[in-house]
């Protein structure tokens, strides 16, 4: 959300809060309707007051129409959510998050102690990659060594395949797979 949109939303929310409080005070009888009516009438009939109310009303009408009919997310924000857009003199290349997740999965399959992996990829504004992996390991795996080697290999593979910097690889060992007895 842009700064201007945040500011107008804050102003809009505060005005709605004030109007809601006034309505509650009127309903409970703690505020006299005649006093409120006279204040509103005086404010709307004086020259600077009526112009201010008209200006604020028009802005809020336009804001409401924008919120109802127009999607606030831009095409750039949607592209950022989908993946990384790389450009060079020959054209553009979109590398999706799913592609990076598949790269991570392929690396994990090469490790003997890794039984299964689920991956989530996050991208920041500078196209740095943060990888979150949930790992199922075999019971004979040395978890510390396995995760350290896996982190290194994932970083190398993503850098080699996509030329993207992997900021961090966070591994959570979710489960140790039970050993299967061979007869």
Protein backbone atom coordinates (compact mmCIF):
# COMPACT_ATOMS: atom_id res chain seq x y z
CA UNK A 1 0.00 0.00 0.00
CA UNK A 2 1.33 3.43 -0.90
CA UNK A 3 1.96 6.12 1.71
CA UNK A 4 -0.86 8.34 0.44
CA UNK A 5 -3.30 5.43 0.63
CA UNK A 6 -2.19 4.63 4.18
CA UNK A 7 -2.61 8.24 5.29
CA UNK A 8 -6.08 8.55 3.74
CA UNK A 9 -7.09 5.23 5.28
CA UNK A 10 -5.98 6.45 8.71
CA UNK A 11 -7.90 9.71 8.29
CA UNK A 12 -10.97 7.84 7.03
CA UNK A 13 -10.82 5.39 9.95
CA UNK A 14 -10.50 8.23 12.49
CA UNK A 15 -13.47 10.10 11.04
CA UNK A 16 -15.56 6.92 11.11
CA UNK A 17 -14.49 6.35 14.74
CA UNK A 18 -15.54 9.87 15.73
CA UNK A 19 -18.90 9.53 13.95
CA UNK A 20 -19.49 6.16 15.62
CA UNK A 21 -18.74 7.60 19.06
CA UNK A 22 -21.10 10.53 18.44
CA UNK A 23 -23.82 8.11 17.29
CA UNK A 24 -23.38 6.01 20.45
CA UNK A 25 -23.50 9.11 22.65
CA UNK A 26 -26.72 10.20 20.92
CA UNK A 27 -28.33 6.76 21.32
CA UNK A 28 -27.48 6.59 25.03
CA UNK A 29 -28.80 10.10 25.54
CA UNK A 30 -25.50 11.46 26.81
CA UNK A 31 -25.40 14.01 24.01
CA UNK A 32 -28.30 16.30 23.07
CA UNK A 33 -29.51 15.93 19.48
CA UNK A 34 -30.38 19.64 19.31
CA UNK A 35 -26.81 20.66 20.18
CA UNK A 36 -25.32 18.30 17.58
CA UNK A 37 -27.86 19.46 14.98
CA UNK A 38 -27.08 23.12 15.63
CA UNK A 39 -23.31 22.47 15.38
CA UNK A 40 -23.71 20.63 12.09
CA UNK A 41 -26.09 23.26 10.69
CA UNK A 42 -23.73 26.09 11.68
CA UNK A 43 -20.71 24.32 10.21
CA UNK A 44 -22.45 23.49 6.93
CA UNK A 45 -23.94 26.93 6.36
CA UNK A 46 -20.81 29.00 7.01
CA UNK A 47 -18.68 29.63 3.97
CA UNK A 48 -15.32 28.05 4.86
CA UNK A 49 -16.95 25.16 6.75
CA UNK A 50 -19.18 24.10 3.88
CA UNK A 51 -16.29 24.15 1.40
CA UNK A 52 -14.15 22.01 3.69
CA UNK A 53 -16.97 19.49 4.19
CA UNK A 54 -17.61 19.40 0.43
CA UNK A 55 -13.92 18.83 -0.34
CA UNK A 56 -13.53 16.08 2.24
CA UNK A 57 -16.75 14.43 1.06
CA UNK A 58 -15.62 14.40 -2.58
CA UNK A 59 -12.26 12.90 -1.60
CA UNK A 60 -13.95 10.17 0.43
CA UNK A 61 -16.41 9.43 -2.39
CA UNK A 62 -13.52 9.03 -4.84
CA UNK A 63 -11.61 6.90 -2.36
CA UNK A 64 -14.63 4.67 -1.82
CA UNK A 65 -15.15 4.25 -5.57
CA UNK A 66 -11.47 3.37 -5.99
CA UNK A 67 -11.65 0.77 -3.21
CA UNK A 68 -14.82 -0.79 -4.60
CA UNK A 69 -13.92 -0.98 -8.30
CA UNK A 70 -10.13 -1.02 -8.56
CA UNK A 71 -7.68 -3.64 -7.34
CA UNK A 72 -5.02 -1.96 -5.18
CA UNK A 73 -2.27 -4.41 -6.14
CA UNK A 74 -0.25 -3.34 -9.10
CA UNK A 75 1.08 -5.59 -11.82
CA UNK A 76 4.59 -5.16 -10.39
CA UNK A 77 3.43 -6.37 -6.97
CA UNK A 78 1.80 -9.41 -8.59
CA UNK A 79 5.03 -10.21 -10.46
CA UNK A 80 6.97 -9.92 -7.19
CA UNK A 81 4.62 -12.42 -5.58
CA UNK A 82 4.94 -14.88 -8.46
CA UNK A 83 8.69 -14.84 -8.90
CA UNK A 84 11.71 -12.86 -10.01
CA UNK A 85 11.76 -10.91 -13.25
CA UNK A 86 15.23 -10.69 -14.76
CA UNK A 87 15.94 -8.38 -17.70
CA UNK A 88 18.83 -8.04 -20.11
CA UNK A 89 19.36 -6.60 -23.58
CA UNK A 90 17.75 -9.67 -25.20
CA UNK A 91 14.51 -9.58 -23.22
CA UNK A 92 12.96 -10.69 -19.94
CA UNK A 93 13.00 -13.90 -17.93
CA UNK A 94 10.52 -14.75 -15.16
CA UNK A 95 11.78 -17.31 -12.64
CA UNK A 96 8.84 -18.49 -10.58
CA UNK A 97 8.95 -19.40 -6.92
CA UNK A 98 7.84 -22.87 -7.93
CA UNK A 99 10.97 -23.27 -10.06
CA UNK A 100 13.19 -22.39 -7.11
CA UNK A 101 11.22 -24.78 -4.90
CA UNK A 102 11.74 -27.55 -7.47
CA UNK A 103 15.49 -26.83 -7.49
CA UNK A 104 15.59 -27.16 -3.70
CA UNK A 105 13.64 -30.44 -3.86
CA UNK A 106 16.04 -31.84 -6.47
CA UNK A 107 19.03 -30.98 -4.29
CA UNK A 108 17.44 -32.62 -1.24
CA UNK A 109 16.78 -35.84 -3.20
CA UNK A 110 20.54 -36.25 -3.74
CA UNK A 111 21.19 -36.49 0.00
CA UNK A 112 20.98 -39.94 1.49
CA UNK A 113 19.69 -38.86 4.92
CA UNK A 114 16.90 -36.67 3.51
CA UNK A 115 13.66 -38.63 3.23
CA UNK A 116 11.37 -35.80 2.14
CA UNK A 117 11.23 -32.03 1.92
CA UNK A 118 8.62 -29.31 1.52
CA UNK A 119 9.80 -25.87 0.53
CA UNK A 120 8.54 -22.30 0.68
CA UNK A 121 10.35 -19.44 -1.08
CA UNK A 122 10.16 -15.76 -0.20
CA UNK A 123 11.61 -12.94 -2.28
CA UNK A 124 12.56 -9.46 -1.12
CA UNK A 125 12.67 -6.22 -3.12
CA UNK A 126 16.31 -6.78 -4.18
CA UNK A 127 15.42 -10.24 -5.57
CA UNK A 128 17.23 -12.00 -2.75
CA UNK A 129 15.85 -15.44 -2.03
CA UNK A 130 14.88 -16.73 1.40
CA UNK A 131 14.20 -20.45 1.50
CA UNK A 132 12.24 -22.22 4.22
CA UNK A 133 12.48 -26.01 4.07
CA UNK A 134 10.71 -28.61 6.21
CA UNK A 135 12.76 -31.75 6.20
CA UNK A 136 12.06 -35.38 7.04
CA UNK A 137 15.29 -37.20 7.84
CA UNK A 138 16.19 -40.83 8.20
CA UNK A 139 16.86 -42.15 11.69
CA UNK A 140 20.56 -42.73 10.96
CA UNK A 141 21.16 -39.21 9.63
CA UNK A 142 23.45 -36.79 11.43
CA UNK A 143 21.06 -33.85 11.39
CA UNK A 144 23.60 -31.08 11.98
CA UNK A 145 25.90 -32.21 9.16
CA UNK A 146 23.02 -33.02 6.84
CA UNK A 147 21.40 -29.61 7.28
CA UNK A 148 24.69 -27.70 6.92
CA UNK A 149 25.58 -29.58 3.73
CA UNK A 150 22.05 -29.20 2.40
CA UNK A 151 22.08 -25.43 3.04
CA UNK A 152 25.38 -25.06 1.19
CA UNK A 153 24.28 -27.18 -1.78
CA UNK A 154 20.93 -25.39 -2.04
CA UNK A 155 22.64 -21.99 -2.14
CA UNK A 156 25.11 -23.21 -4.77
CA UNK A 157 22.42 -24.82 -6.95
CA UNK A 158 20.08 -21.81 -6.91
CA UNK A 159 22.99 -19.43 -7.64
CA UNK A 160 24.24 -21.60 -10.50
CA UNK A 161 20.85 -22.27 -12.06
CA UNK A 162 19.22 -18.85 -11.66
CA UNK A 163 22.01 -16.36 -10.81
CA UNK A 164 19.96 -15.28 -7.78
CA UNK A 165 21.48 -14.65 -4.36
CA UNK A 166 20.12 -16.89 -1.64
CA UNK A 167 20.08 -14.79 1.49
CA UNK A 168 19.32 -17.66 3.82
CA UNK A 169 18.22 -21.28 3.84
CA UNK A 170 16.19 -22.09 6.94
CA UNK A 171 15.72 -25.78 7.61
CA UNK A 172 13.24 -27.19 10.09
CA UNK A 173 13.51 -30.88 10.80
CA UNK A 174 9.86 -31.85 11.11
CA UNK A 175 10.24 -35.58 11.55
CA UNK A 176 12.67 -38.43 11.84
CA UNK A 177 11.49 -41.26 9.62
CA UNK A 178 11.33 -44.63 11.37
CA UNK A 179 13.77 -47.26 10.23
CA UNK A 180 12.38 -50.04 8.11
CA UNK A 181 13.55 -53.49 9.19
CA UNK A 182 14.77 -55.72 6.43
CA UNK A 183 14.11 -59.45 6.77
